[in-house]
C-alpha atoms as a PDB file:
ATOM      1  CA  MET A   1      14.709  18.798  23.655  1.00  0.00           C
ATOM      2  CA  SER A   2      18.412  20.181  23.605  1.00  0.00           C
ATOM      3  CA  PRO A   3      18.425  24.042  22.598  1.00  0.00           C
ATOM      4  CA  SER A   4      21.471  23.454  20.694  1.00  0.00           C
ATOM      5  CA  GLN A   5      19.944  21.309  17.918  1.00  0.00           C
ATOM      6  CA  PRO A   6      19.478  22.385  15.109  1.00  0.00           C
ATOM      7  CA  ALA A   7      15.862  23.971  14.121  1.00  0.00           C
ATOM      8  CA  LEU A   8      15.096  21.977  11.542  1.00  0.00           C
ATOM      9  CA  GLU A   9      15.813  18.970  13.641  1.00  0.00           C
ATOM     10  CA  ARG A  10      13.524  19.800  16.124  1.00  0.00           C
ATOM     11  CA  PHE A  11      10.617  20.904  13.941  1.00  0.00           C
ATOM     12  CA  LEU A  12      11.207  17.728  11.664  1.00  0.00           C
ATOM     13  CA  SER A  13      11.025  16.034  16.026  1.00  0.00           C
ATOM     14  CA  ARG A  14       8.004  17.805  16.723  1.00  0.00           C
ATOM     15  CA  PHE A  15       6.137  17.349  13.238  1.00  0.00           C
ATOM     16  CA  LEU A  16       3.441  14.680  13.146  1.00  0.00           C
ATOM     17  CA  LEU A  17       2.205  14.034  10.021  1.00  0.00           C
ATOM     18  CA  GLN A  18       0.039  11.633   7.751  1.00  0.00           C
ATOM     19  CA  PRO A  19       3.023   9.566   6.329  1.00  0.00           C
ATOM     20  CA  PRO A  20       3.245   9.555   2.068  1.00  0.00           C
ATOM     21  CA  SER A  21       0.750   7.266   0.684  1.00  0.00           C
ATOM     22  CA  GLY A  22      -0.007   6.307  -2.288  1.00  0.00           C
ATOM     23  CA  ASN A  23      -3.792   6.304  -3.116  1.00  0.00           C
ATOM     24  CA  GLY A  24      -4.794  10.180  -1.446  1.00  0.00           C
ATOM     25  CA  GLY A  25      -6.944   9.102   0.539  1.00  0.00           C
ATOM     26  CA  GLY A  26     -10.030   8.829  -2.103  1.00  0.00           C
ATOM     27  CA  LEU A  27     -10.388  12.462  -2.610  1.00  0.00           C
ATOM     28  CA  PRO A  28     -13.229  13.986  -5.191  1.00  0.00           C
ATOM     29  CA  GLN A  29     -12.782  13.867  -8.453  1.00  0.00           C
ATOM     30  CA  ARG A  30     -11.580  17.808  -8.588  1.00  0.00           C
ATOM     31  CA  GLN A  31      -8.170  17.103  -7.066  1.00  0.00           C
ATOM     32  CA  ALA A  32      -5.055  19.045  -6.590  1.00  0.00           C
ATOM     33  CA  ALA A  33      -1.880  18.887  -4.671  1.00  0.00           C
ATOM     34  CA  VAL A  34       0.849  21.954  -3.566  1.00  0.00           C
ATOM     35  CA  LEU A  35       4.662  21.847  -2.460  1.00  0.00           C
ATOM     36  CA  VAL A  36       4.883  23.313   1.156  1.00  0.00           C
ATOM     37  CA  PRO A  37       8.491  23.435   0.695  1.00  0.00           C
ATOM     38  CA  ILE A  38      10.603  23.885   3.911  1.00  0.00           C
ATOM     39  CA  VAL A  39      14.220  25.088   2.797  1.00  0.00           C
ATOM     40  CA  ALA A  40      16.830  23.345   5.066  1.00  0.00           C
ATOM     41  CA  ARG A  41      19.088  26.310   6.272  1.00  0.00           C
ATOM     42  CA  PRO A  42      20.624  26.928   9.837  1.00  0.00           C
ATOM     43  CA  THR A  43      17.729  28.759  10.167  1.00  0.00           C
ATOM     44  CA  PRO A  44      14.664  26.850   8.564  1.00  0.00           C
ATOM     45  CA  THR A  45      12.887  28.642   5.414  1.00  0.00           C
ATOM     46  CA  LEU A  46       9.311  28.376   4.380  1.00  0.00           C
ATOM     47  CA  LEU A  47       9.161  28.815   0.214  1.00  0.00           C
ATOM     48  CA  LEU A  48       6.303  30.724  -1.264  1.00  0.00           C
ATOM     49  CA  THR A  49       5.481  32.464  -4.780  1.00  0.00           C
ATOM     50  CA  ARG A  50       3.297  35.382  -5.885  1.00  0.00           C
ATOM     51  CA  ARG A  51       1.191  34.098  -8.079  1.00  0.00           C
ATOM     52  CA  ALA A  52       1.402  36.118 -12.018  1.00  0.00           C
ATOM     53  CA  GLY A  53      -1.520  39.034 -12.043  1.00  0.00           C
ATOM     54  CA  THR A  54      -1.886  37.922 -15.669  1.00  0.00           C
ATOM     55  CA  LEU A  55      -3.535  34.882 -14.529  1.00  0.00           C
ATOM     56  CA  ARG A  56      -6.906  34.241 -14.808  1.00  0.00           C
ATOM     57  CA  LYS A  57      -7.815  32.476 -10.922  1.00  0.00           C
ATOM     58  CA  HIS A  58      -6.005  33.934  -7.875  1.00  0.00           C
ATOM     59  CA  ALA A  59      -3.832  36.595  -9.930  1.00  0.00           C
ATOM     60  CA  GLY A  60      -1.344  38.098  -7.384  1.00  0.00           C
ATOM     61  CA  GLN A  61      -2.542  35.790  -4.710  1.00  0.00           C
ATOM     62  CA  VAL A  62       0.307  34.074  -2.392  1.00  0.00           C
ATOM     63  CA  ALA A  63       0.480  30.135  -2.920  1.00  0.00           C
ATOM     64  CA  PHE A  64       2.360  27.435  -2.616  1.00  0.00           C
ATOM     65  CA  PRO A  65       3.623  25.915  -5.982  1.00  0.00           C
ATOM     66  CA  GLY A  66       1.319  23.587  -7.136  1.00  0.00           C
ATOM     67  CA  GLY A  67      -2.088  22.616  -9.366  1.00  0.00           C
ATOM     68  CA  VAL A  68      -4.431  20.304 -10.694  1.00  0.00           C
ATOM     69  CA  LYS A  69      -3.920  16.595 -11.069  1.00  0.00           C
ATOM     70  CA  ASP A  70      -3.348  15.110 -14.327  1.00  0.00           C
ATOM     71  CA  ASP A  71      -4.277  12.296 -15.586  1.00  0.00           C
ATOM     72  CA  ASN A  72      -0.922  10.856 -15.423  1.00  0.00           C
ATOM     73  CA  ASP A  73      -0.322  11.794 -12.054  1.00  0.00           C
ATOM     74  CA  ILE A  74      -0.707   8.979  -9.776  1.00  0.00           C
ATOM     75  CA  PHE A  75      -0.862  10.164  -6.450  1.00  0.00           C
ATOM     76  CA  PRO A  76      -0.948  13.447  -4.705  1.00  0.00           C
ATOM     77  CA  ILE A  77       2.682  13.849  -4.220  1.00  0.00           C
ATOM     78  CA  ALA A  78       3.607  13.622  -7.677  1.00  0.00           C
ATOM     79  CA  THR A  79       0.851  16.658  -8.878  1.00  0.00           C
ATOM     80  CA  ALA A  80       2.755  18.644  -6.108  1.00  0.00           C
ATOM     81  CA  LEU A  81       6.163  17.547  -7.423  1.00  0.00           C
ATOM     82  CA  ARG A  82       5.062  17.756 -10.686  1.00  0.00           C
ATOM     83  CA  GLU A  83       3.676  21.452 -10.422  1.00  0.00           C
ATOM     84  CA  ALA A  84       6.600  22.357  -8.651  1.00  0.00           C
ATOM     85  CA  GLN A  85       8.725  22.002 -11.302  1.00  0.00           C
ATOM     86  CA  GLU A  86       6.568  23.980 -13.973  1.00  0.00           C
ATOM     87  CA  GLU A  87       6.117  25.844 -11.531  1.00  0.00           C
ATOM     88  CA  VAL A  88       9.316  27.197 -10.289  1.00  0.00           C
ATOM     89  CA  ALA A  89      11.860  24.661 -11.116  1.00  0.00           C
ATOM     90  CA  ILE A  90      12.386  22.480  -8.409  1.00  0.00           C
ATOM     91  CA  PRO A  91      13.835  18.801  -9.683  1.00  0.00           C
ATOM     92  CA  PRO A  92      11.438  16.661  -7.912  1.00  0.00           C
ATOM     93  CA  ASP A  93      14.528  14.259  -7.070  1.00  0.00           C
ATOM     94  CA  ALA A  94      15.742  17.253  -4.667  1.00  0.00           C
ATOM     95  CA  VAL A  95      12.502  17.198  -2.425  1.00  0.00           C
ATOM     96  CA  ASN A  96      12.791  14.831   0.853  1.00  0.00           C
ATOM     97  CA  VAL A  97       9.169  14.676   1.262  1.00  0.00           C
ATOM     98  CA  ILE A  98       8.076  14.131   4.893  1.00  0.00           C
ATOM     99  CA  GLY A  99       4.114  13.635   4.627  1.00  0.00           C
ATOM    100  CA  ILE A 100       1.075  15.100   4.052  1.00  0.00           C
ATOM    101  CA  LEU A 101      -1.771  17.097   5.753  1.00  0.00           C
ATOM    102  CA  PRO A 102      -5.193  16.694   5.907  1.00  0.00           C
ATOM    103  CA  PRO A 103      -6.345  17.948   2.460  1.00  0.00           C
ATOM    104  CA  VAL A 104      -8.488  21.027   2.576  1.00  0.00           C
ATOM    105  CA  THR A 105     -10.660  22.568   0.454  1.00  0.00           C
ATOM    106  CA  SER A 106     -10.830  25.760  -2.374  1.00  0.00           C
ATOM    107  CA  SER A 107     -13.445  28.026  -2.737  1.00  0.00           C
ATOM    108  CA  THR A 108     -13.156  26.498  -6.225  1.00  0.00           C
ATOM    109  CA  GLY A 109     -14.111  23.138  -5.100  1.00  0.00           C
ATOM    110  CA  PHE A 110     -11.296  21.454  -5.183  1.00  0.00           C
ATOM    111  CA  GLN A 111      -9.750  19.076  -3.072  1.00  0.00           C
ATOM    112  CA  VAL A 112      -6.070  20.261  -2.479  1.00  0.00           C
ATOM    113  CA  THR A 113      -3.409  18.101  -0.546  1.00  0.00           C
ATOM    114  CA  PRO A 114      -0.799  19.629   0.912  1.00  0.00           C
ATOM    115  CA  VAL A 115       2.696  17.866   0.640  1.00  0.00           C
ATOM    116  CA  VAL A 116       5.058  19.029   3.606  1.00  0.00           C
ATOM    117  CA  GLY A 117       9.145  18.654   1.628  1.00  0.00           C
ATOM    118  CA  ILE A 118      12.195  19.566   2.587  1.00  0.00           C
ATOM    119  CA  LEU A 119      14.298  21.689  -0.090  1.00  0.00           C
ATOM    120  CA  PRO A 120      18.517  21.224   0.130  1.00  0.00           C
ATOM    121  CA  ALA A 121      19.859  24.933   1.616  1.00  0.00           C
ATOM    122  CA  GLY A 122      21.856  25.195  -2.125  1.00  0.00           C
ATOM    123  CA  ILE A 123      18.836  24.558  -4.111  1.00  0.00           C
ATOM    124  CA  ARG A 124      17.937  27.322  -6.763  1.00  0.00           C
ATOM    125  CA  TRP A 125      15.095  27.774  -8.175  1.00  0.00           C
ATOM    126  CA  GLN A 126      13.574  30.304 -11.074  1.00  0.00           C
ATOM    127  CA  ALA A 127      10.043  31.519 -11.399  1.00  0.00           C
ATOM    128  CA  ASN A 128       8.061  30.511 -14.798  1.00  0.00           C
ATOM    129  CA  PRO A 129       7.202  34.008 -15.674  1.00  0.00           C
ATOM    130  CA  ALA A 130       3.821  32.987 -17.209  1.00  0.00           C
ATOM    131  CA  GLU A 131       2.748  31.116 -13.691  1.00  0.00           C
ATOM    132  CA  VAL A 132       4.723  33.154 -11.198  1.00  0.00           C
ATOM    133  CA  GLU A 133       5.517  36.639 -10.025  1.00  0.00           C
ATOM    134  CA  SER A 134       8.075  36.163  -7.460  1.00  0.00           C
ATOM    135  CA  VAL A 135       9.236  33.503  -5.355  1.00  0.00           C
ATOM    136  CA  PHE A 136      10.137  34.179  -1.589  1.00  0.00           C
ATOM    137  CA  GLU A 137      10.871  32.682   2.282  1.00  0.00           C
ATOM    138  CA  MET A 138       9.515  33.043   5.212  1.00  0.00           C
ATOM    139  CA  PRO A 139      11.243  31.955   8.398  1.00  0.00           C
ATOM    140  CA  LEU A 140       9.703  29.113   9.035  1.00  0.00           C
ATOM    141  CA  GLU A 141       9.384  29.702  12.701  1.00  0.00           C
ATOM    142  CA  GLU A 142       8.014  32.627  11.987  1.00  0.00           C
ATOM    143  CA  ALA A 143       5.436  31.364   9.444  1.00  0.00           C
ATOM    144  CA  LEU A 144       4.725  28.808  11.970  1.00  0.00           C
ATOM    145  CA  ARG A 145       3.724  31.643  14.993  1.00  0.00           C
ATOM    146  CA  LEU A 146      -0.313  31.498  15.429  1.00  0.00           C
ATOM    147  CA  SER A 147      -0.638  34.413  16.898  1.00  0.00           C
ATOM    148  CA  ARG A 148       0.586  36.010  13.723  1.00  0.00           C
ATOM    149  CA  TYR A 149      -2.839  35.168  11.539  1.00  0.00           C
ATOM    150  CA  SER A 150      -6.004  36.995  12.009  1.00  0.00           C
ATOM    151  CA  PRO A 151      -9.229  35.235  11.401  1.00  0.00           C
ATOM    152  CA  LEU A 152     -11.931  36.969   9.170  1.00  0.00           C
ATOM    153  CA  ASP A 153     -15.505  35.427   9.038  1.00  0.00           C
ATOM    154  CA  ILE A 154     -17.385  35.270   5.539  1.00  0.00           C
ATOM    155  CA  GLN A 155     -20.883  34.953   4.387  1.00  0.00           C
ATOM    156  CA  ARG A 156     -20.801  32.319   1.734  1.00  0.00           C
ATOM    157  CA  ALA A 157     -23.608  30.290  -0.098  1.00  0.00           C
ATOM    158  CA  GLY A 158     -25.957  30.925   3.468  1.00  0.00           C
ATOM    159  CA  HIS A 159     -22.233  29.285   5.453  1.00  0.00           C
ATOM    160  CA  LEU A 160     -20.248  30.961   7.631  1.00  0.00           C
ATOM    161  CA  HIS A 161     -16.601  30.610   6.636  1.00  0.00           C
ATOM    162  CA  ARG A 162     -13.011  31.534   8.344  1.00  0.00           C
ATOM    163  CA  VAL A 163     -10.335  32.863   6.589  1.00  0.00           C
ATOM    164  CA  TRP A 164      -6.938  33.399   7.925  1.00  0.00           C
ATOM    165  CA  LEU A 165      -4.908  36.517   7.206  1.00  0.00           C
ATOM    166  CA  SER A 166      -1.261  37.483   7.773  1.00  0.00           C
ATOM    167  CA  TRP A 167       1.580  39.800   6.241  1.00  0.00           C
ATOM    168  CA  PHE A 168       5.196  38.904   5.474  1.00  0.00           C
ATOM    169  CA  ASP A 169       7.319  42.020   4.626  1.00  0.00           C
ATOM    170  CA  ASP A 170       4.590  43.389   1.730  1.00  0.00           C
ATOM    171  CA  TYR A 171       3.078  39.480   1.274  1.00  0.00           C
ATOM    172  CA  PHE A 172      -0.398  39.712   2.155  1.00  0.00           C
ATOM    173  CA  ILE A 173      -0.574  35.634   3.316  1.00  0.00           C
ATOM    174  CA  TRP A 174      -4.561  34.726   3.340  1.00  0.00           C
ATOM    175  CA  GLY A 175      -7.353  32.040   1.972  1.00  0.00           C
ATOM    176  CA  MET A 176      -6.411  28.003   1.671  1.00  0.00           C
ATOM    177  CA  THR A 177      -2.303  29.153   1.993  1.00  0.00           C
ATOM    178  CA  ALA A 178      -2.732  30.489   5.328  1.00  0.00           C
ATOM    179  CA  ASN A 179      -4.545  27.968   5.883  1.00  0.00           C
ATOM    180  CA  ILE A 180      -2.058  25.287   5.115  1.00  0.00           C
ATOM    181  CA  ILE A 181       0.255  27.042   7.355  1.00  0.00           C
ATOM    182  CA  ARG A 182      -1.971  27.300  10.327  1.00  0.00           C
ATOM    183  CA  GLN A 183      -2.452  23.674   9.785  1.00  0.00           C
ATOM    184  CA  LEU A 184       1.371  22.933   9.573  1.00  0.00           C
ATOM    185  CA  SER A 185       1.670  24.869  12.711  1.00  0.00           C
ATOM    186  CA  LEU A 186      -1.024  22.809  14.571  1.00  0.00           C
ATOM    187  CA  GLN A 187       0.372  19.263  13.462  1.00  0.00           C
ATOM    188  CA  THR A 188       3.862  20.429  15.017  1.00  0.00           C
ATOM    189  CA  SER A 189       3.690  19.029  18.995  1.00  0.00           C
ATOM    190  CA  ILE A 190       4.854  21.798  21.687  1.00  0.00           C
ATOM    191  CA  PRO A 191       7.732  20.641  23.418  1.00  0.00           C
ATOM    192  CA  ARG A 192       7.502  20.583  27.171  1.00  0.00           C
END
């Protein structure tokens, strides 16, 4: 790869994803999906949200746009795109879905499928105040730096669980969101 190659092209050429598929891989009944939005700026960024402090679950946490599968959502991609539109007004047709990461299990028992998509640099979003307190961008290269994440091992229901923690500006990124970003980083091959 040439160092002059645009950063997004270098990222995409290294990215090892499951291609978008239709069926979601036979997941359990409690399904959810999140959009992992990468903004195609000259220096690409990762779009994240801070959930509204008034929510019953995960209030104030940094997260990707996403949520629970509706009966009308045929595939996890549909769930992620619908939720991104509901939470931050990203039109589904503005997202170039490039693939999905392996599903992860939430602490509340949902199987969550991360859907990775590219957003155009000029896209505008607007937080739905009922669900999202703020929207921010983190440089993709910084987000994918594995050394920025610290492990914390905790006991839950008699089992040891590893939780990943990180800070970006005044945003505390941890749990499933940090785990998904780390998985995104691990899915990219490092050029030699």
